[in-house]
Amino acid sequence: MIVFLDGVLEEKEPTRVVVNVNGSGYEAAIPLSSYDRLPACGARLRLLTVPVVREDAHLLYGFMSAEERDAFLLLTAVNGIGPKLGLAVLSGLSVRDLKAAVAQGDVKRLSGVSGIGKKTAERIVLEMRDKLGNGGMLEALAGGKAPGPAEAKLRDMLLALIALGHKQADAQRMVKDIAPHLSPETPLEDAIRKVLAGRT
């Protein structure tokens, strides 16, 4: 399986690249998010890839970051989302915005992507939410900011609620609701008690 290409960027377009690897040219379809990060033609390039083998074609999909590739794999694991639609989502939303939309159940935002209807957006939320993991939920809670003391407390609260048996989506919602009402000095135990009591 081809997991990356390391060579010279020969051609680039918003939807595709050609990479020269030791004299062999490999074409890969890419999302717009990766296109924006490509070097100039003629420069060295390391492109992460996902190969897709069909009866009529062997295709490569390329990404400039592991986060993009991981998001693509999560998207294409959703029922009804093929590689082409997966690239469309990543072209319309950043990985951070995608995670936030999934974590918050923002069907409207997802259905704003070309080719994604309301039912498909609902499936993306339903099937991806539990696969994001605690890190993805924390990122959505923190708005993509670098974790600080406040974000660390939110993470600990989230993990504690999940450990207490709450579903990840429910725990994320509970923490999000209580977060604006907590001061930096609130001990973790007190914060969790407030969440469980439903008090703000």
N, C-alpha and C. Protein backbone atom coordinates (compact mmCIF):
# COMPACT_ATOMS: atom_id res chain seq x y z
N MET A 1 0.84 -1.19 0.00
CA MET A 1 0.00 0.00 0.00
C MET A 1 0.88 1.24 0.00
N ILE A 2 0.53 2.22 -0.81
CA ILE A 2 1.29 3.47 -0.88
C ILE A 2 0.76 4.42 0.20
N VAL A 3 1.59 4.72 1.19
CA VAL A 3 1.14 5.58 2.29
C VAL A 3 1.66 7.01 2.17
N PHE A 4 2.69 7.21 1.34
CA PHE A 4 3.14 8.57 1.05
C PHE A 4 3.97 8.58 -0.22
N LEU A 5 4.08 9.76 -0.82
CA LEU A 5 4.95 9.99 -1.96
C LEU A 5 6.00 11.01 -1.56
N ASP A 6 7.26 10.74 -1.85
CA ASP A 6 8.35 11.66 -1.54
C ASP A 6 9.11 11.91 -2.83
N GLY A 7 8.93 13.10 -3.40
CA GLY A 7 9.58 13.38 -4.66
C GLY A 7 9.47 14.85 -5.03
N VAL A 8 9.46 15.11 -6.32
CA VAL A 8 9.40 16.49 -6.83
C VAL A 8 8.00 16.77 -7.35
N LEU A 9 7.46 17.91 -6.97
CA LEU A 9 6.14 18.31 -7.45
C LEU A 9 6.25 18.76 -8.90
N GLU A 10 5.65 18.00 -9.81
CA GLU A 10 5.73 18.30 -11.24
C GLU A 10 4.57 19.19 -11.70
N GLU A 11 3.37 18.87 -11.23
CA GLU A 11 2.18 19.62 -11.63
C GLU A 11 1.30 19.82 -10.41
N LYS A 12 0.59 20.95 -10.37
CA LYS A 12 -0.39 21.15 -9.31
C LYS A 12 -1.58 21.95 -9.81
N GLU A 13 -2.74 21.48 -9.43
CA GLU A 13 -4.00 22.14 -9.70
C GLU A 13 -4.81 22.08 -8.41
N PRO A 14 -5.88 22.86 -8.31
CA PRO A 14 -6.66 22.84 -7.06
C PRO A 14 -7.21 21.47 -6.67
N THR A 15 -7.32 20.56 -7.64
CA THR A 15 -7.90 19.25 -7.33
C THR A 15 -6.95 18.08 -7.53
N ARG A 16 -5.73 18.35 -8.04
CA ARG A 16 -4.83 17.22 -8.32
C ARG A 16 -3.37 17.68 -8.33
N VAL A 17 -2.48 16.70 -8.12
CA VAL A 17 -1.04 16.95 -8.23
C VAL A 17 -0.41 15.77 -8.96
N VAL A 18 0.77 16.02 -9.52
CA VAL A 18 1.59 14.95 -10.06
C VAL A 18 2.95 15.05 -9.37
N VAL A 19 3.38 13.96 -8.77
CA VAL A 19 4.65 13.92 -8.04
C VAL A 19 5.61 12.97 -8.76
N ASN A 20 6.80 13.45 -9.06
CA ASN A 20 7.83 12.65 -9.70
C ASN A 20 8.65 11.96 -8.61
N VAL A 21 8.49 10.64 -8.52
CA VAL A 21 9.24 9.85 -7.54
C VAL A 21 10.23 8.97 -8.28
N ASN A 22 11.48 9.40 -8.27
CA ASN A 22 12.55 8.64 -8.94
C ASN A 22 12.22 8.34 -10.40
N GLY A 23 11.66 9.31 -11.10
CA GLY A 23 11.39 9.15 -12.52
C GLY A 23 10.00 8.63 -12.86
N SER A 24 9.24 8.24 -11.86
CA SER A 24 7.86 7.80 -12.10
C SER A 24 6.89 8.87 -11.62
N GLY A 25 5.91 9.20 -12.46
CA GLY A 25 4.94 10.23 -12.09
C GLY A 25 3.70 9.64 -11.46
N TYR A 26 3.37 10.09 -10.27
CA TYR A 26 2.17 9.63 -9.56
C TYR A 26 1.16 10.78 -9.49
N GLU A 27 -0.05 10.51 -9.93
CA GLU A 27 -1.12 11.51 -9.85
C GLU A 27 -1.97 11.22 -8.62
N ALA A 28 -2.31 12.28 -7.90
CA ALA A 28 -3.17 12.13 -6.71
C ALA A 28 -4.20 13.25 -6.68
N ALA A 29 -5.43 12.90 -6.34
CA ALA A 29 -6.47 13.91 -6.14
C ALA A 29 -6.29 14.49 -4.74
N ILE A 30 -6.51 15.80 -4.60
CA ILE A 30 -6.28 16.47 -3.32
C ILE A 30 -7.45 17.39 -2.99
N PRO A 31 -7.65 17.71 -1.70
CA PRO A 31 -8.63 18.73 -1.33
C PRO A 31 -8.01 20.12 -1.43
N LEU A 32 -8.85 21.13 -1.46
CA LEU A 32 -8.35 22.51 -1.54
C LEU A 32 -7.47 22.86 -0.35
N SER A 33 -7.78 22.28 0.80
CA SER A 33 -6.99 22.58 2.00
C SER A 33 -5.53 22.17 1.82
N SER A 34 -5.29 21.10 1.08
CA SER A 34 -3.92 20.67 0.81
C SER A 34 -3.29 21.51 -0.29
N TYR A 35 -4.07 21.89 -1.29
CA TYR A 35 -3.56 22.70 -2.39
C TYR A 35 -2.94 24.00 -1.87
N ASP A 36 -3.61 24.60 -0.89
CA ASP A 36 -3.13 25.87 -0.34
C ASP A 36 -1.76 25.74 0.32
N ARG A 37 -1.36 24.53 0.66
CA ARG A 37 -0.11 24.32 1.39
C ARG A 37 0.99 23.70 0.52
N LEU A 38 0.72 23.55 -0.77
CA LEU A 38 1.71 22.95 -1.66
C LEU A 38 2.86 23.91 -1.92
N PRO A 39 4.07 23.38 -2.11
CA PRO A 39 5.20 24.24 -2.52
C PRO A 39 5.09 24.55 -4.01
N ALA A 40 6.02 25.29 -4.54
CA ALA A 40 6.04 25.60 -5.97
C ALA A 40 6.43 24.35 -6.75
N CYS A 41 5.99 24.31 -8.00
CA CYS A 41 6.40 23.19 -8.87
C CYS A 41 7.92 23.16 -8.96
N GLY A 42 8.46 21.95 -8.94
CA GLY A 42 9.91 21.79 -8.97
C GLY A 42 10.51 21.60 -7.58
N ALA A 43 9.70 21.86 -6.55
CA ALA A 43 10.18 21.72 -5.17
C ALA A 43 9.95 20.29 -4.68
N ARG A 44 10.70 19.95 -3.63
CA ARG A 44 10.56 18.63 -3.01
C ARG A 44 9.24 18.59 -2.25
N LEU A 45 8.59 17.45 -2.28
CA LEU A 45 7.27 17.31 -1.65
C LEU A 45 7.13 15.93 -1.01
N ARG A 46 6.56 15.92 0.17
CA ARG A 46 6.17 14.65 0.82
C ARG A 46 4.66 14.71 0.98
N LEU A 47 3.96 13.85 0.27
CA LEU A 47 2.50 13.85 0.26
C LEU A 47 1.98 12.56 0.87
N LEU A 48 1.18 12.69 1.92
CA LEU A 48 0.54 11.51 2.51
C LEU A 48 -0.58 11.04 1.60
N THR A 49 -0.75 9.74 1.47
CA THR A 49 -1.71 9.23 0.48
C THR A 49 -2.63 8.14 1.04
N VAL A 50 -3.76 8.02 0.38
CA VAL A 50 -4.71 6.92 0.61
C VAL A 50 -5.01 6.31 -0.76
N PRO A 51 -4.60 5.07 -1.00
CA PRO A 51 -4.90 4.44 -2.28
C PRO A 51 -6.31 3.82 -2.26
N VAL A 52 -6.99 3.93 -3.38
CA VAL A 52 -8.32 3.31 -3.53
C VAL A 52 -8.29 2.48 -4.80
N VAL A 53 -8.54 1.19 -4.66
CA VAL A 53 -8.52 0.28 -5.80
C VAL A 53 -9.94 -0.08 -6.18
N ARG A 54 -10.30 0.23 -7.43
CA ARG A 54 -11.60 -0.16 -7.97
C ARG A 54 -11.39 -1.12 -9.12
N GLU A 55 -12.48 -1.70 -9.60
CA GLU A 55 -12.37 -2.64 -10.71
C GLU A 55 -11.80 -1.96 -11.95
N ASP A 56 -12.15 -0.68 -12.13
CA ASP A 56 -11.75 0.01 -13.36
C ASP A 56 -10.61 1.01 -13.17
N ALA A 57 -10.11 1.15 -11.95
CA ALA A 57 -9.05 2.15 -11.75
C ALA A 57 -8.34 1.97 -10.41
N HIS A 58 -7.06 2.39 -10.37
CA HIS A 58 -6.30 2.48 -9.13
C HIS A 58 -6.07 3.97 -8.88
N LEU A 59 -6.64 4.49 -7.80
CA LEU A 59 -6.61 5.93 -7.55
C LEU A 59 -5.82 6.25 -6.29
N LEU A 60 -5.22 7.45 -6.29
CA LEU A 60 -4.50 7.93 -5.11
C LEU A 60 -5.13 9.25 -4.67
N TYR A 61 -5.30 9.39 -3.36
CA TYR A 61 -5.78 10.64 -2.78
C TYR A 61 -4.69 11.16 -1.87
N GLY A 62 -4.34 12.44 -2.04
CA GLY A 62 -3.18 12.98 -1.33
C GLY A 62 -3.54 14.08 -0.35
N PHE A 63 -2.70 14.19 0.70
CA PHE A 63 -2.95 15.15 1.78
C PHE A 63 -1.63 15.69 2.32
N MET A 64 -1.65 16.97 2.67
CA MET A 64 -0.44 17.60 3.18
C MET A 64 -0.25 17.41 4.68
N SER A 65 -1.28 16.88 5.37
CA SER A 65 -1.14 16.66 6.81
C SER A 65 -1.82 15.35 7.21
N ALA A 66 -1.35 14.78 8.32
CA ALA A 66 -1.95 13.55 8.83
C ALA A 66 -3.38 13.81 9.28
N GLU A 67 -3.66 15.02 9.78
CA GLU A 67 -5.01 15.36 10.24
C GLU A 67 -6.01 15.31 9.08
N GLU A 68 -5.59 15.83 7.93
CA GLU A 68 -6.46 15.78 6.75
C GLU A 68 -6.70 14.33 6.32
N ARG A 69 -5.63 13.55 6.28
CA ARG A 69 -5.78 12.15 5.86
C ARG A 69 -6.68 11.38 6.83
N ASP A 70 -6.49 11.59 8.13
CA ASP A 70 -7.32 10.91 9.12
C ASP A 70 -8.79 11.30 8.97
N ALA A 71 -9.04 12.59 8.74
CA ALA A 71 -10.41 13.07 8.56
C ALA A 71 -11.03 12.45 7.31
N PHE A 72 -10.24 12.34 6.25
CA PHE A 72 -10.71 11.72 5.00
C PHE A 72 -11.11 10.26 5.25
N LEU A 73 -10.29 9.54 5.99
CA LEU A 73 -10.59 8.13 6.29
C LEU A 73 -11.86 8.01 7.13
N LEU A 74 -12.05 8.92 8.09
CA LEU A 74 -13.27 8.91 8.89
C LEU A 74 -14.49 9.21 8.04
N LEU A 75 -14.34 10.20 7.16
CA LEU A 75 -15.46 10.58 6.29
C LEU A 75 -15.86 9.45 5.35
N THR A 76 -14.87 8.82 4.73
CA THR A 76 -15.18 7.78 3.75
C THR A 76 -15.65 6.48 4.40
N ALA A 77 -15.53 6.39 5.72
CA ALA A 77 -16.08 5.24 6.44
C ALA A 77 -17.58 5.43 6.72
N VAL A 78 -18.07 6.66 6.51
CA VAL A 78 -19.48 6.95 6.70
C VAL A 78 -20.27 6.39 5.53
N ASN A 79 -21.37 5.74 5.83
CA ASN A 79 -22.22 5.14 4.79
C ASN A 79 -22.66 6.20 3.79
N GLY A 80 -22.36 5.98 2.51
CA GLY A 80 -22.79 6.90 1.47
C GLY A 80 -21.77 7.98 1.12
N ILE A 81 -20.64 8.02 1.83
CA ILE A 81 -19.60 9.01 1.54
C ILE A 81 -18.43 8.31 0.83
N GLY A 82 -18.26 8.61 -0.45
CA GLY A 82 -17.15 8.06 -1.21
C GLY A 82 -15.97 9.02 -1.19
N PRO A 83 -14.86 8.63 -1.80
CA PRO A 83 -13.66 9.48 -1.81
C PRO A 83 -13.91 10.87 -2.40
N LYS A 84 -14.67 10.96 -3.48
CA LYS A 84 -14.92 12.25 -4.13
C LYS A 84 -15.67 13.19 -3.18
N LEU A 85 -16.67 12.66 -2.48
CA LEU A 85 -17.43 13.49 -1.55
C LEU A 85 -16.60 13.81 -0.31
N GLY A 86 -15.74 12.88 0.08
CA GLY A 86 -14.84 13.13 1.21
C GLY A 86 -13.92 14.31 0.93
N LEU A 87 -13.39 14.36 -0.30
CA LEU A 87 -12.54 15.50 -0.70
C LEU A 87 -13.35 16.79 -0.74
N ALA A 88 -14.61 16.69 -1.17
CA ALA A 88 -15.47 17.88 -1.23
C ALA A 88 -15.68 18.48 0.16
N VAL A 89 -15.86 17.61 1.15
CA VAL A 89 -16.05 18.09 2.52
C VAL A 89 -14.80 18.80 3.01
N LEU A 90 -13.63 18.19 2.76
CA LEU A 90 -12.37 18.79 3.20
C LEU A 90 -12.00 20.03 2.39
N SER A 91 -12.58 20.17 1.22
CA SER A 91 -12.37 21.38 0.43
C SER A 91 -13.27 22.51 0.93
N GLY A 92 -14.40 22.14 1.54
CA GLY A 92 -15.34 23.14 2.02
C GLY A 92 -15.17 23.51 3.48
N LEU A 93 -14.55 22.61 4.25
CA LEU A 93 -14.35 22.85 5.69
C LEU A 93 -12.94 22.46 6.08
N SER A 94 -12.35 23.21 6.99
CA SER A 94 -11.06 22.79 7.55
C SER A 94 -11.31 21.59 8.45
N VAL A 95 -10.27 20.85 8.76
CA VAL A 95 -10.41 19.70 9.66
C VAL A 95 -10.97 20.15 11.01
N ARG A 96 -10.48 21.29 11.50
CA ARG A 96 -10.96 21.82 12.78
C ARG A 96 -12.45 22.14 12.72
N ASP A 97 -12.88 22.78 11.62
CA ASP A 97 -14.30 23.14 11.48
C ASP A 97 -15.16 21.89 11.31
N LEU A 98 -14.63 20.89 10.62
CA LEU A 98 -15.36 19.63 10.46
C LEU A 98 -15.58 18.98 11.82
N LYS A 99 -14.52 18.90 12.62
CA LYS A 99 -14.64 18.29 13.94
C LYS A 99 -15.62 19.05 14.82
N ALA A 100 -15.55 20.37 14.75
CA ALA A 100 -16.46 21.19 15.54
C ALA A 100 -17.91 20.97 15.12
N ALA A 101 -18.15 20.90 13.81
CA ALA A 101 -19.51 20.68 13.30
C ALA A 101 -20.05 19.33 13.74
N VAL A 102 -19.18 18.30 13.70
CA VAL A 102 -19.60 16.96 14.13
C VAL A 102 -19.87 16.94 15.63
N ALA A 103 -18.95 17.50 16.41
CA ALA A 103 -19.09 17.49 17.87
C ALA A 103 -20.33 18.24 18.32
N GLN A 104 -20.67 19.32 17.61
CA GLN A 104 -21.81 20.15 18.00
C GLN A 104 -23.09 19.77 17.28
N GLY A 105 -23.02 18.74 16.42
CA GLY A 105 -24.21 18.32 15.69
C GLY A 105 -24.71 19.38 14.73
N ASP A 106 -23.80 20.15 14.15
CA ASP A 106 -24.16 21.28 13.29
C ASP A 106 -24.44 20.78 11.86
N VAL A 107 -25.65 20.22 11.68
CA VAL A 107 -26.04 19.67 10.39
C VAL A 107 -26.10 20.76 9.32
N LYS A 108 -26.54 21.95 9.70
CA LYS A 108 -26.66 23.05 8.75
C LYS A 108 -25.30 23.40 8.14
N ARG A 109 -24.28 23.44 8.98
CA ARG A 109 -22.94 23.77 8.49
C ARG A 109 -22.42 22.71 7.53
N LEU A 110 -22.64 21.45 7.88
CA LEU A 110 -22.17 20.36 7.03
C LEU A 110 -22.93 20.32 5.70
N SER A 111 -24.23 20.57 5.75
CA SER A 111 -25.02 20.52 4.53
C SER A 111 -24.77 21.73 3.63
N GLY A 112 -23.99 22.69 4.12
CA GLY A 112 -23.59 23.82 3.29
C GLY A 112 -22.50 23.46 2.30
N VAL A 113 -21.89 22.28 2.48
CA VAL A 113 -20.85 21.81 1.55
C VAL A 113 -21.52 21.27 0.29
N SER A 114 -21.00 21.62 -0.85
CA SER A 114 -21.56 21.16 -2.12
C SER A 114 -21.60 19.63 -2.17
N GLY A 115 -22.78 19.10 -2.49
CA GLY A 115 -22.94 17.65 -2.58
C GLY A 115 -23.41 16.98 -1.32
N ILE A 116 -23.46 17.73 -0.21
CA ILE A 116 -23.90 17.17 1.07
C ILE A 116 -25.30 17.68 1.39
N GLY A 117 -26.26 16.79 1.40
CA GLY A 117 -27.63 17.14 1.78
C GLY A 117 -27.83 16.96 3.26
N LYS A 118 -29.03 17.29 3.72
CA LYS A 118 -29.32 17.22 5.15
C LYS A 118 -29.18 15.81 5.70
N LYS A 119 -29.70 14.82 4.98
CA LYS A 119 -29.63 13.43 5.48
C LYS A 119 -28.19 12.94 5.54
N THR A 120 -27.40 13.30 4.53
CA THR A 120 -25.99 12.90 4.53
C THR A 120 -25.25 13.58 5.68
N ALA A 121 -25.56 14.85 5.91
CA ALA A 121 -24.93 15.59 7.01
C ALA A 121 -25.29 14.94 8.35
N GLU A 122 -26.52 14.52 8.50
CA GLU A 122 -26.94 13.86 9.74
C GLU A 122 -26.20 12.54 9.94
N ARG A 123 -25.96 11.81 8.83
CA ARG A 123 -25.20 10.56 8.92
C ARG A 123 -23.76 10.81 9.33
N ILE A 124 -23.18 11.89 8.78
CA ILE A 124 -21.79 12.24 9.13
C ILE A 124 -21.70 12.50 10.64
N VAL A 125 -22.63 13.28 11.17
CA VAL A 125 -22.63 13.57 12.61
C VAL A 125 -22.79 12.28 13.42
N LEU A 126 -23.75 11.47 13.03
CA LEU A 126 -24.06 10.25 13.78
C LEU A 126 -22.90 9.26 13.78
N GLU A 127 -22.30 9.06 12.60
CA GLU A 127 -21.28 8.01 12.48
C GLU A 127 -19.88 8.48 12.85
N MET A 128 -19.61 9.79 12.74
CA MET A 128 -18.26 10.27 13.06
C MET A 128 -18.09 10.68 14.51
N ARG A 129 -19.18 11.03 15.18
CA ARG A 129 -19.07 11.61 16.52
C ARG A 129 -18.30 10.71 17.48
N ASP A 130 -18.67 9.43 17.53
CA ASP A 130 -18.01 8.53 18.47
C ASP A 130 -16.60 8.15 18.02
N LYS A 131 -16.28 8.38 16.74
CA LYS A 131 -14.96 8.02 16.23
C LYS A 131 -13.94 9.14 16.40
N LEU A 132 -14.41 10.33 16.70
CA LEU A 132 -13.47 11.46 16.85
C LEU A 132 -12.54 11.26 18.03
N GLY A 133 -13.03 10.61 19.09
CA GLY A 133 -12.21 10.42 20.27
C GLY A 133 -12.22 11.66 21.16
N ASN A 134 -11.69 11.49 22.36
CA ASN A 134 -11.68 12.58 23.33
C ASN A 134 -10.87 13.78 22.84
N GLY A 135 -9.78 13.52 22.12
CA GLY A 135 -8.97 14.62 21.62
C GLY A 135 -9.73 15.49 20.64
N GLY A 136 -10.49 14.84 19.76
CA GLY A 136 -11.28 15.60 18.80
C GLY A 136 -12.37 16.41 19.48
N MET A 137 -12.98 15.84 20.50
CA MET A 137 -14.02 16.56 21.23
C MET A 137 -13.41 17.75 21.97
N LEU A 138 -12.24 17.54 22.56
CA LEU A 138 -11.59 18.64 23.27
C LEU A 138 -11.23 19.76 22.30
N GLU A 139 -10.74 19.38 21.12
CA GLU A 139 -10.38 20.39 20.13
C GLU A 139 -11.61 21.22 19.74
N ALA A 140 -12.75 20.53 19.59
CA ALA A 140 -13.97 21.25 19.24
C ALA A 140 -14.39 22.18 20.37
N LEU A 141 -14.25 21.70 21.60
CA LEU A 141 -14.60 22.52 22.77
C LEU A 141 -13.71 23.75 22.87
N ALA A 142 -12.43 23.55 22.58
CA ALA A 142 -11.46 24.63 22.75
C ALA A 142 -11.39 25.55 21.54
N GLY A 143 -12.16 25.22 20.51
CA GLY A 143 -12.17 26.07 19.32
C GLY A 143 -10.87 26.03 18.56
N GLY A 144 -10.11 24.94 18.70
CA GLY A 144 -8.88 24.79 17.96
C GLY A 144 -7.69 25.53 18.56
N LYS A 145 -7.87 26.13 19.73
CA LYS A 145 -6.78 26.87 20.36
C LYS A 145 -5.80 25.90 21.00
N ALA A 146 -4.60 26.37 21.22
CA ALA A 146 -3.61 25.55 21.92
C ALA A 146 -4.10 25.32 23.34
N PRO A 147 -4.04 24.09 23.83
CA PRO A 147 -4.55 23.81 25.16
C PRO A 147 -3.85 24.63 26.24
N GLY A 148 -4.63 25.24 27.09
CA GLY A 148 -4.12 25.98 28.24
C GLY A 148 -4.75 25.40 29.48
N PRO A 149 -4.59 26.05 30.63
CA PRO A 149 -5.18 25.52 31.86
C PRO A 149 -6.69 25.32 31.76
N ALA A 150 -7.39 26.27 31.13
CA ALA A 150 -8.85 26.16 31.02
C ALA A 150 -9.22 24.95 30.15
N GLU A 151 -8.52 24.79 29.02
CA GLU A 151 -8.81 23.66 28.13
C GLU A 151 -8.46 22.34 28.81
N ALA A 152 -7.38 22.33 29.59
CA ALA A 152 -6.99 21.11 30.30
C ALA A 152 -8.08 20.72 31.30
N LYS A 153 -8.69 21.71 31.94
CA LYS A 153 -9.76 21.41 32.89
C LYS A 153 -10.97 20.84 32.16
N LEU A 154 -11.30 21.42 31.00
CA LEU A 154 -12.42 20.90 30.21
C LEU A 154 -12.15 19.46 29.78
N ARG A 155 -10.90 19.20 29.38
CA ARG A 155 -10.54 17.84 28.97
C ARG A 155 -10.72 16.87 30.13
N ASP A 156 -10.23 17.27 31.31
CA ASP A 156 -10.33 16.39 32.47
C ASP A 156 -11.79 16.14 32.85
N MET A 157 -12.62 17.19 32.74
CA MET A 157 -14.04 17.02 33.02
C MET A 157 -14.68 16.06 32.03
N LEU A 158 -14.32 16.22 30.76
CA LEU A 158 -14.87 15.35 29.72
C LEU A 158 -14.50 13.89 29.97
N LEU A 159 -13.23 13.66 30.26
CA LEU A 159 -12.76 12.29 30.51
C LEU A 159 -13.42 11.70 31.76
N ALA A 160 -13.61 12.54 32.78
CA ALA A 160 -14.24 12.06 34.01
C ALA A 160 -15.69 11.65 33.77
N LEU A 161 -16.41 12.46 33.00
CA LEU A 161 -17.82 12.14 32.71
C LEU A 161 -17.94 10.86 31.90
N ILE A 162 -17.03 10.68 30.94
CA ILE A 162 -17.04 9.44 30.15
C ILE A 162 -16.72 8.25 31.04
N ALA A 163 -15.76 8.43 31.96
CA ALA A 163 -15.41 7.36 32.88
C ALA A 163 -16.58 7.01 33.80
N LEU A 164 -17.44 7.99 34.07
CA LEU A 164 -18.61 7.76 34.92
C LEU A 164 -19.77 7.12 34.16
N GLY A 165 -19.55 6.87 32.87
CA GLY A 165 -20.55 6.14 32.10
C GLY A 165 -21.38 6.95 31.13
N HIS A 166 -21.08 8.26 31.03
CA HIS A 166 -21.84 9.08 30.09
C HIS A 166 -21.31 8.86 28.67
N LYS A 167 -22.22 8.90 27.70
CA LYS A 167 -21.80 8.80 26.31
C LYS A 167 -20.96 10.03 25.96
N GLN A 168 -20.04 9.84 25.04
CA GLN A 168 -19.11 10.93 24.70
C GLN A 168 -19.84 12.18 24.23
N ALA A 169 -20.85 11.99 23.36
CA ALA A 169 -21.59 13.15 22.84
C ALA A 169 -22.31 13.88 23.97
N ASP A 170 -22.90 13.12 24.91
CA ASP A 170 -23.60 13.74 26.03
C ASP A 170 -22.62 14.47 26.95
N ALA A 171 -21.47 13.83 27.20
CA ALA A 171 -20.46 14.45 28.06
C ALA A 171 -19.96 15.75 27.45
N GLN A 172 -19.73 15.74 26.14
CA GLN A 172 -19.26 16.95 25.46
C GLN A 172 -20.27 18.08 25.59
N ARG A 173 -21.54 17.73 25.45
CA ARG A 173 -22.61 18.74 25.55
C ARG A 173 -22.69 19.30 26.97
N MET A 174 -22.57 18.43 27.95
CA MET A 174 -22.65 18.86 29.36
C MET A 174 -21.50 19.81 29.71
N VAL A 175 -20.30 19.46 29.25
CA VAL A 175 -19.14 20.29 29.55
C VAL A 175 -19.25 21.63 28.83
N LYS A 176 -19.72 21.60 27.59
CA LYS A 176 -19.87 22.85 26.83
C LYS A 176 -20.86 23.78 27.54
N ASP A 177 -21.94 23.23 28.07
CA ASP A 177 -22.96 24.04 28.73
C ASP A 177 -22.44 24.69 30.01
N ILE A 178 -21.60 23.96 30.74
CA ILE A 178 -21.14 24.47 32.05
C ILE A 178 -19.91 25.37 31.92
N ALA A 179 -19.14 25.19 30.83
CA ALA A 179 -17.85 25.89 30.69
C ALA A 179 -17.93 27.40 30.89
N PRO A 180 -18.92 28.11 30.33
CA PRO A 180 -18.94 29.57 30.50
C PRO A 180 -19.18 30.02 31.94
N HIS A 181 -19.66 29.11 32.79
CA HIS A 181 -20.02 29.48 34.16
C HIS A 181 -18.97 29.07 35.19
N LEU A 182 -17.83 28.56 34.69
CA LEU A 182 -16.77 28.14 35.61
C LEU A 182 -15.67 29.19 35.67
N SER A 183 -15.16 29.42 36.86
CA SER A 183 -14.02 30.31 36.99
C SER A 183 -12.74 29.47 36.98
N PRO A 184 -11.60 30.06 36.64
CA PRO A 184 -10.35 29.29 36.61
C PRO A 184 -10.02 28.65 37.95
N GLU A 185 -10.56 29.24 39.03
CA GLU A 185 -10.24 28.73 40.37
C GLU A 185 -11.15 27.57 40.80
N THR A 186 -12.20 27.29 40.04
CA THR A 186 -13.11 26.22 40.44
C THR A 186 -12.39 24.88 40.43
N PRO A 187 -12.37 24.18 41.57
CA PRO A 187 -11.72 22.87 41.59
C PRO A 187 -12.43 21.90 40.65
N LEU A 188 -11.68 20.95 40.11
CA LEU A 188 -12.25 20.00 39.16
C LEU A 188 -13.43 19.24 39.76
N GLU A 189 -13.28 18.81 41.02
CA GLU A 189 -14.35 18.05 41.66
C GLU A 189 -15.64 18.85 41.75
N ASP A 190 -15.52 20.15 42.10
CA ASP A 190 -16.70 21.00 42.19
C ASP A 190 -17.32 21.21 40.81
N ALA A 191 -16.49 21.37 39.80
CA ALA A 191 -17.00 21.56 38.45
C ALA A 191 -17.80 20.34 37.99
N ILE A 192 -17.26 19.16 38.28
CA ILE A 192 -17.96 17.93 37.88
C ILE A 192 -19.28 17.79 38.63
N ARG A 193 -19.28 18.15 39.91
CA ARG A 193 -20.52 18.09 40.69
C ARG A 193 -21.58 19.02 40.09
N LYS A 194 -21.14 20.20 39.67
CA LYS A 194 -22.09 21.15 39.06
C LYS A 194 -22.66 20.59 37.77
N VAL A 195 -21.80 19.96 36.97
CA VAL A 195 -22.27 19.35 35.73
C VAL A 195 -23.30 18.28 36.01
N LEU A 196 -22.99 17.39 36.94
CA LEU A 196 -23.89 16.29 37.26
C LEU A 196 -25.19 16.76 37.88
N ALA A 197 -25.13 17.89 38.60
CA ALA A 197 -26.34 18.42 39.23
C ALA A 197 -27.17 19.24 38.24
N GLY A 198 -26.57 19.52 37.08
CA GLY A 198 -27.27 20.32 36.09
C GLY A 198 -27.37 21.77 36.49
N ARG A 199 -26.47 22.22 37.38
CA ARG A 199 -26.50 23.62 37.85
C ARG A 199 -25.44 24.42 37.13
N THR A 200 -25.73 25.68 36.92
CA THR A 200 -24.76 26.60 36.35
C THR A 200 -24.54 27.75 37.30
